[in-house]
Amino acid sequence: MGLAWTELFPTTPIPRVLSQPCCGQFAVSGSRIRAMPRERYVQFREWLLKTTLDDRLSGRVWEYLWQYVFGGVEEYCPDEYSCYCEGYGVCFGGDEGRYRRYFELRQKSREIQGEIERLRKQGSGGDVDAGRVKALEREKQGLMEGMEGMEEIRATSGSG
């Protein structure tokens, strides 16, 4: 990353830390894009075309650069709830605790489903623990019912 930085920003010291949420997801206004000279974008493109890094690594470099290129900040790491609410509108009526509970229930439900599938695969020879599978299915159903009321709230804005 250090070499890529010096190639892309030769007059700027390498930052101690460069971080942002995974996978290069961001939004940027047209005015912010136009604030940088077109020639700078051409330089970035040329770097991508000429770098000896493979596509996976050069893409990873850019995942960590967007917040610097468009925001001028080396670190942009809002908490997960803020990202979901502000970025995707998944706010649970502005109740962060409810948001956390929803994702806990969802994770637990997925773990139970994995256990059910494992037991069924294990017992595909006719020796499945039907009682255990039924109990897990009931537990999963209870979790899903607990999440149902949250589905409606999940898509509401933070203002209620």
C-alpha atoms as a PDB file:
ATOM      1  CA  MET A   1       0.000   0.000   0.000  1.00  0.00           C
ATOM      2  CA  GLY A   2       2.877   2.343   0.766  1.00  0.00           C
ATOM      3  CA  LEU A   3       4.342   2.024  -2.725  1.00  0.00           C
ATOM      4  CA  ALA A   4       0.921   2.569  -4.309  1.00  0.00           C
ATOM      5  CA  TRP A   5       0.440   5.661  -2.146  1.00  0.00           C
ATOM      6  CA  THR A   6       3.763   7.176  -3.201  1.00  0.00           C
ATOM      7  CA  GLU A   7       2.951   6.507  -6.850  1.00  0.00           C
ATOM      8  CA  LEU A   8      -0.532   8.048  -6.587  1.00  0.00           C
ATOM      9  CA  PHE A   9       0.266  10.895  -4.163  1.00  0.00           C
ATOM     10  CA  PRO A  10       4.001  11.561  -4.586  1.00  0.00           C
ATOM     11  CA  THR A  11       4.019  14.865  -2.687  1.00  0.00           C
ATOM     12  CA  THR A  12       1.889  13.665   0.241  1.00  0.00           C
ATOM     13  CA  PRO A  13       3.437  11.731   3.155  1.00  0.00           C
ATOM     14  CA  ILE A  14       2.124   8.197   3.643  1.00  0.00           C
ATOM     15  CA  PRO A  15      -0.575   8.286   6.339  1.00  0.00           C
ATOM     16  CA  ARG A  16      -0.110   6.244   9.497  1.00  0.00           C
ATOM     17  CA  VAL A  17      -3.579   4.712   9.002  1.00  0.00           C
ATOM     18  CA  LEU A  18      -5.920   4.554   6.022  1.00  0.00           C
ATOM     19  CA  SER A  19      -9.312   2.993   6.669  1.00  0.00           C
ATOM     20  CA  GLN A  20     -12.976   3.050   5.710  1.00  0.00           C
ATOM     21  CA  PRO A  21     -15.887   0.568   5.591  1.00  0.00           C
ATOM     22  CA  CYS A  22     -15.330  -2.489   3.439  1.00  0.00           C
ATOM     23  CA  CYS A  23     -15.782  -2.849  -0.238  1.00  0.00           C
ATOM     24  CA  GLY A  24     -15.456   0.698  -1.545  1.00  0.00           C
ATOM     25  CA  GLN A  25     -19.099   1.684  -1.129  1.00  0.00           C
ATOM     26  CA  PHE A  26     -19.525   5.428  -1.090  1.00  0.00           C
ATOM     27  CA  ALA A  27     -21.627   8.263  -2.403  1.00  0.00           C
ATOM     28  CA  VAL A  28     -20.178  11.456  -3.765  1.00  0.00           C
ATOM     29  CA  SER A  29     -21.750  14.578  -5.209  1.00  0.00           C
ATOM     30  CA  GLY A  30     -21.117  15.830  -8.715  1.00  0.00           C
ATOM     31  CA  SER A  31     -19.680  19.052  -7.346  1.00  0.00           C
ATOM     32  CA  ARG A  32     -17.158  17.092  -5.250  1.00  0.00           C
ATOM     33  CA  ILE A  33     -16.133  15.081  -8.310  1.00  0.00           C
ATOM     34  CA  ARG A  34     -15.729  18.242 -10.387  1.00  0.00           C
ATOM     35  CA  ALA A  35     -13.644  19.882  -7.634  1.00  0.00           C
ATOM     36  CA  MET A  36     -10.695  17.730  -8.706  1.00  0.00           C
ATOM     37  CA  PRO A  37      -9.139  18.442 -12.118  1.00  0.00           C
ATOM     38  CA  ARG A  38      -9.938  15.908 -14.831  1.00  0.00           C
ATOM     39  CA  GLU A  39      -6.201  15.364 -15.317  1.00  0.00           C
ATOM     40  CA  ARG A  40      -6.006  13.897 -11.816  1.00  0.00           C
ATOM     41  CA  TYR A  41      -8.566  11.239 -12.731  1.00  0.00           C
ATOM     42  CA  VAL A  42      -6.575  10.490 -15.871  1.00  0.00           C
ATOM     43  CA  GLN A  43      -3.484   9.975 -13.671  1.00  0.00           C
ATOM     44  CA  PHE A  44      -5.424   7.588 -11.421  1.00  0.00           C
ATOM     45  CA  ARG A  45      -6.627   5.656 -14.476  1.00  0.00           C
ATOM     46  CA  GLU A  46      -3.094   5.472 -15.873  1.00  0.00           C
ATOM     47  CA  TRP A  47      -1.853   4.103 -12.559  1.00  0.00           C
ATOM     48  CA  LEU A  48      -4.528   1.387 -12.688  1.00  0.00           C
ATOM     49  CA  LEU A  49      -3.553   0.459 -16.238  1.00  0.00           C
ATOM     50  CA  LYS A  50       0.199   0.425 -15.587  1.00  0.00           C
ATOM     51  CA  THR A  51       0.505  -0.940 -12.045  1.00  0.00           C
ATOM     52  CA  THR A  52       2.202  -4.296 -11.617  1.00  0.00           C
ATOM     53  CA  LEU A  53      -0.342  -5.158  -8.925  1.00  0.00           C
ATOM     54  CA  ASP A  54      -2.952  -7.666 -10.037  1.00  0.00           C
ATOM     55  CA  ASP A  55      -6.546  -6.464 -10.366  1.00  0.00           C
ATOM     56  CA  ARG A  56      -7.544  -7.832  -6.965  1.00  0.00           C
ATOM     57  CA  LEU A  57      -4.809  -5.893  -5.179  1.00  0.00           C
ATOM     58  CA  SER A  58      -5.150  -2.682  -7.168  1.00  0.00           C
ATOM     59  CA  GLY A  59      -8.886  -2.799  -6.452  1.00  0.00           C
ATOM     60  CA  ARG A  60      -8.147  -3.273  -2.767  1.00  0.00           C
ATOM     61  CA  VAL A  61      -5.872  -0.219  -2.835  1.00  0.00           C
ATOM     62  CA  TRP A  62      -8.733   1.864  -4.223  1.00  0.00           C
ATOM     63  CA  GLU A  63     -11.171   0.539  -1.619  1.00  0.00           C
ATOM     64  CA  TYR A  64      -9.001   2.321   0.937  1.00  0.00           C
ATOM     65  CA  LEU A  65      -8.504   5.498  -1.070  1.00  0.00           C
ATOM     66  CA  TRP A  66     -11.993   6.778  -1.868  1.00  0.00           C
ATOM     67  CA  GLN A  67     -12.530   8.576   1.419  1.00  0.00           C
ATOM     68  CA  TYR A  68      -9.167  10.287   0.952  1.00  0.00           C
ATOM     69  CA  VAL A  69      -9.679  11.189  -2.713  1.00  0.00           C
ATOM     70  CA  PHE A  70     -13.166  12.638  -2.222  1.00  0.00           C
ATOM     71  CA  GLY A  71     -13.178  13.614   1.443  1.00  0.00           C
ATOM     72  CA  GLY A  72      -9.570  14.366   2.238  1.00  0.00           C
ATOM     73  CA  VAL A  73      -9.720  12.129   5.330  1.00  0.00           C
ATOM     74  CA  GLU A  74      -7.452   9.196   6.065  1.00  0.00           C
ATOM     75  CA  GLU A  75      -9.969   7.422   8.286  1.00  0.00           C
ATOM     76  CA  TYR A  76     -13.718   7.232   7.828  1.00  0.00           C
ATOM     77  CA  CYS A  77     -15.177   4.557  10.057  1.00  0.00           C
ATOM     78  CA  PRO A  78     -18.677   5.369  11.283  1.00  0.00           C
ATOM     79  CA  ASP A  79     -20.301   2.779  13.501  1.00  0.00           C
ATOM     80  CA  GLU A  80     -22.322   0.015  11.831  1.00  0.00           C
ATOM     81  CA  TYR A  81     -25.715   1.371  12.902  1.00  0.00           C
ATOM     82  CA  SER A  82     -24.956   4.784  11.385  1.00  0.00           C
ATOM     83  CA  CYS A  83     -23.874   3.146   8.129  1.00  0.00           C
ATOM     84  CA  TYR A  84     -27.072   1.113   7.865  1.00  0.00           C
ATOM     85  CA  CYS A  85     -29.321   4.015   8.808  1.00  0.00           C
ATOM     86  CA  GLU A  86     -27.688   6.854   6.887  1.00  0.00           C
ATOM     87  CA  GLY A  87     -26.488   4.769   3.949  1.00  0.00           C
ATOM     88  CA  TYR A  88     -29.373   2.368   3.428  1.00  0.00           C
ATOM     89  CA  GLY A  89     -32.294   3.820   5.394  1.00  0.00           C
ATOM     90  CA  VAL A  90     -32.352   0.781   7.712  1.00  0.00           C
ATOM     91  CA  CYS A  91     -32.961   2.687  10.950  1.00  0.00           C
ATOM     92  CA  PHE A  92     -35.462   0.734  13.080  1.00  0.00           C
ATOM     93  CA  GLY A  93     -37.258   3.927  13.961  1.00  0.00           C
ATOM     94  CA  GLY A  94     -34.047   5.444  15.287  1.00  0.00           C
ATOM     95  CA  ASP A  95     -33.689   2.737  17.972  1.00  0.00           C
ATOM     96  CA  GLU A  96     -30.135   1.414  17.850  1.00  0.00           C
ATOM     97  CA  GLY A  97     -30.906  -1.220  20.497  1.00  0.00           C
ATOM     98  CA  ARG A  98     -33.693  -2.622  18.360  1.00  0.00           C
ATOM     99  CA  TYR A  99     -31.354  -2.648  15.376  1.00  0.00           C
ATOM    100  CA  ARG A 100     -28.789  -4.664  17.332  1.00  0.00           C
ATOM    101  CA  ARG A 101     -31.449  -7.078  18.587  1.00  0.00           C
ATOM    102  CA  TYR A 102     -32.720  -7.682  15.043  1.00  0.00           C
ATOM    103  CA  PHE A 103     -29.252  -8.629  13.793  1.00  0.00           C
ATOM    104  CA  GLU A 104     -28.622 -10.820  16.845  1.00  0.00           C
ATOM    105  CA  LEU A 105     -31.866 -12.705  16.126  1.00  0.00           C
ATOM    106  CA  ARG A 106     -31.001 -12.993  12.455  1.00  0.00           C
ATOM    107  CA  GLN A 107     -27.528 -14.366  13.232  1.00  0.00           C
ATOM    108  CA  LYS A 108     -28.900 -16.872  15.742  1.00  0.00           C
ATOM    109  CA  SER A 109     -31.527 -17.965  13.201  1.00  0.00           C
ATOM    110  CA  ARG A 110     -28.820 -18.568  10.596  1.00  0.00           C
ATOM    111  CA  GLU A 111     -26.753 -20.580  13.070  1.00  0.00           C
ATOM    112  CA  ILE A 112     -29.755 -22.755  13.886  1.00  0.00           C
ATOM    113  CA  GLN A 113     -30.481 -23.268  10.179  1.00  0.00           C
ATOM    114  CA  GLY A 114     -26.880 -24.376   9.696  1.00  0.00           C
ATOM    115  CA  GLU A 115     -27.243 -26.869  12.551  1.00  0.00           C
ATOM    116  CA  ILE A 116     -30.501 -28.209  11.064  1.00  0.00           C
ATOM    117  CA  GLU A 117     -28.815 -28.691   7.681  1.00  0.00           C
ATOM    118  CA  ARG A 118     -25.824 -30.392   9.315  1.00  0.00           C
ATOM    119  CA  LEU A 119     -28.067 -32.801  11.219  1.00  0.00           C
ATOM    120  CA  ARG A 120     -30.089 -33.620   8.108  1.00  0.00           C
ATOM    121  CA  LYS A 121     -26.955 -34.216   6.066  1.00  0.00           C
ATOM    122  CA  GLN A 122     -25.493 -36.364   8.827  1.00  0.00           C
ATOM    123  CA  GLY A 123     -28.689 -38.373   9.017  1.00  0.00           C
ATOM    124  CA  SER A 124     -29.253 -38.738   5.279  1.00  0.00           C
ATOM    125  CA  GLY A 125     -28.618 -42.460   5.762  1.00  0.00           C
ATOM    126  CA  GLY A 126     -31.823 -42.702   7.784  1.00  0.00           C
ATOM    127  CA  ASP A 127     -30.419 -41.959  11.234  1.00  0.00           C
ATOM    128  CA  VAL A 128     -31.477 -38.310  11.573  1.00  0.00           C
ATOM    129  CA  ASP A 129     -32.270 -37.088  15.085  1.00  0.00           C
ATOM    130  CA  ALA A 130     -35.810 -36.030  14.190  1.00  0.00           C
ATOM    131  CA  GLY A 131     -36.561 -34.771  17.702  1.00  0.00           C
ATOM    132  CA  ARG A 132     -33.521 -32.493  17.727  1.00  0.00           C
ATOM    133  CA  VAL A 133     -34.325 -31.168  14.239  1.00  0.00           C
ATOM    134  CA  LYS A 134     -37.924 -30.438  15.288  1.00  0.00           C
ATOM    135  CA  ALA A 135     -36.749 -28.618  18.422  1.00  0.00           C
ATOM    136  CA  LEU A 136     -34.327 -26.508  16.385  1.00  0.00           C
ATOM    137  CA  GLU A 137     -37.037 -25.717  13.828  1.00  0.00           C
ATOM    138  CA  ARG A 138     -39.336 -24.539  16.648  1.00  0.00           C
ATOM    139  CA  GLU A 139     -36.554 -22.406  18.104  1.00  0.00           C
ATOM    140  CA  LYS A 140     -35.854 -20.888  14.696  1.00  0.00           C
ATOM    141  CA  GLN A 141     -39.563 -20.213  14.153  1.00  0.00           C
ATOM    142  CA  GLY A 142     -39.690 -18.365  17.487  1.00  0.00           C
ATOM    143  CA  LEU A 143     -36.752 -16.201  16.425  1.00  0.00           C
ATOM    144  CA  MET A 144     -38.368 -15.482  13.069  1.00  0.00           C
ATOM    145  CA  GLU A 145     -41.593 -14.442  14.794  1.00  0.00           C
ATOM    146  CA  GLY A 146     -39.590 -12.124  17.033  1.00  0.00           C
ATOM    147  CA  MET A 147     -38.092 -10.534  13.935  1.00  0.00           C
ATOM    148  CA  GLU A 148     -41.433 -10.126  12.133  1.00  0.00           C
ATOM    149  CA  GLY A 149     -42.491  -7.045  14.054  1.00  0.00           C
ATOM    150  CA  MET A 150     -39.098  -5.537  13.380  1.00  0.00           C
ATOM    151  CA  GLU A 151     -39.314  -5.943   9.596  1.00  0.00           C
ATOM    152  CA  GLU A 152     -41.791  -3.086   9.347  1.00  0.00           C
ATOM    153  CA  ILE A 153     -39.651  -0.817  11.524  1.00  0.00           C
ATOM    154  CA  ARG A 154     -36.441  -1.858   9.762  1.00  0.00           C
ATOM    155  CA  ALA A 155     -37.250   0.160   6.650  1.00  0.00           C
ATOM    156  CA  THR A 156     -38.309   3.347   8.433  1.00  0.00           C
ATOM    157  CA  SER A 157     -36.182   6.430   8.677  1.00  0.00           C
ATOM    158  CA  GLY A 158     -34.441   7.447  11.860  1.00  0.00           C
ATOM    159  CA  SER A 159     -37.123  10.030  12.548  1.00  0.00           C
ATOM    160  CA  GLY A 160     -39.755   7.382  13.227  1.00  0.00           C
END
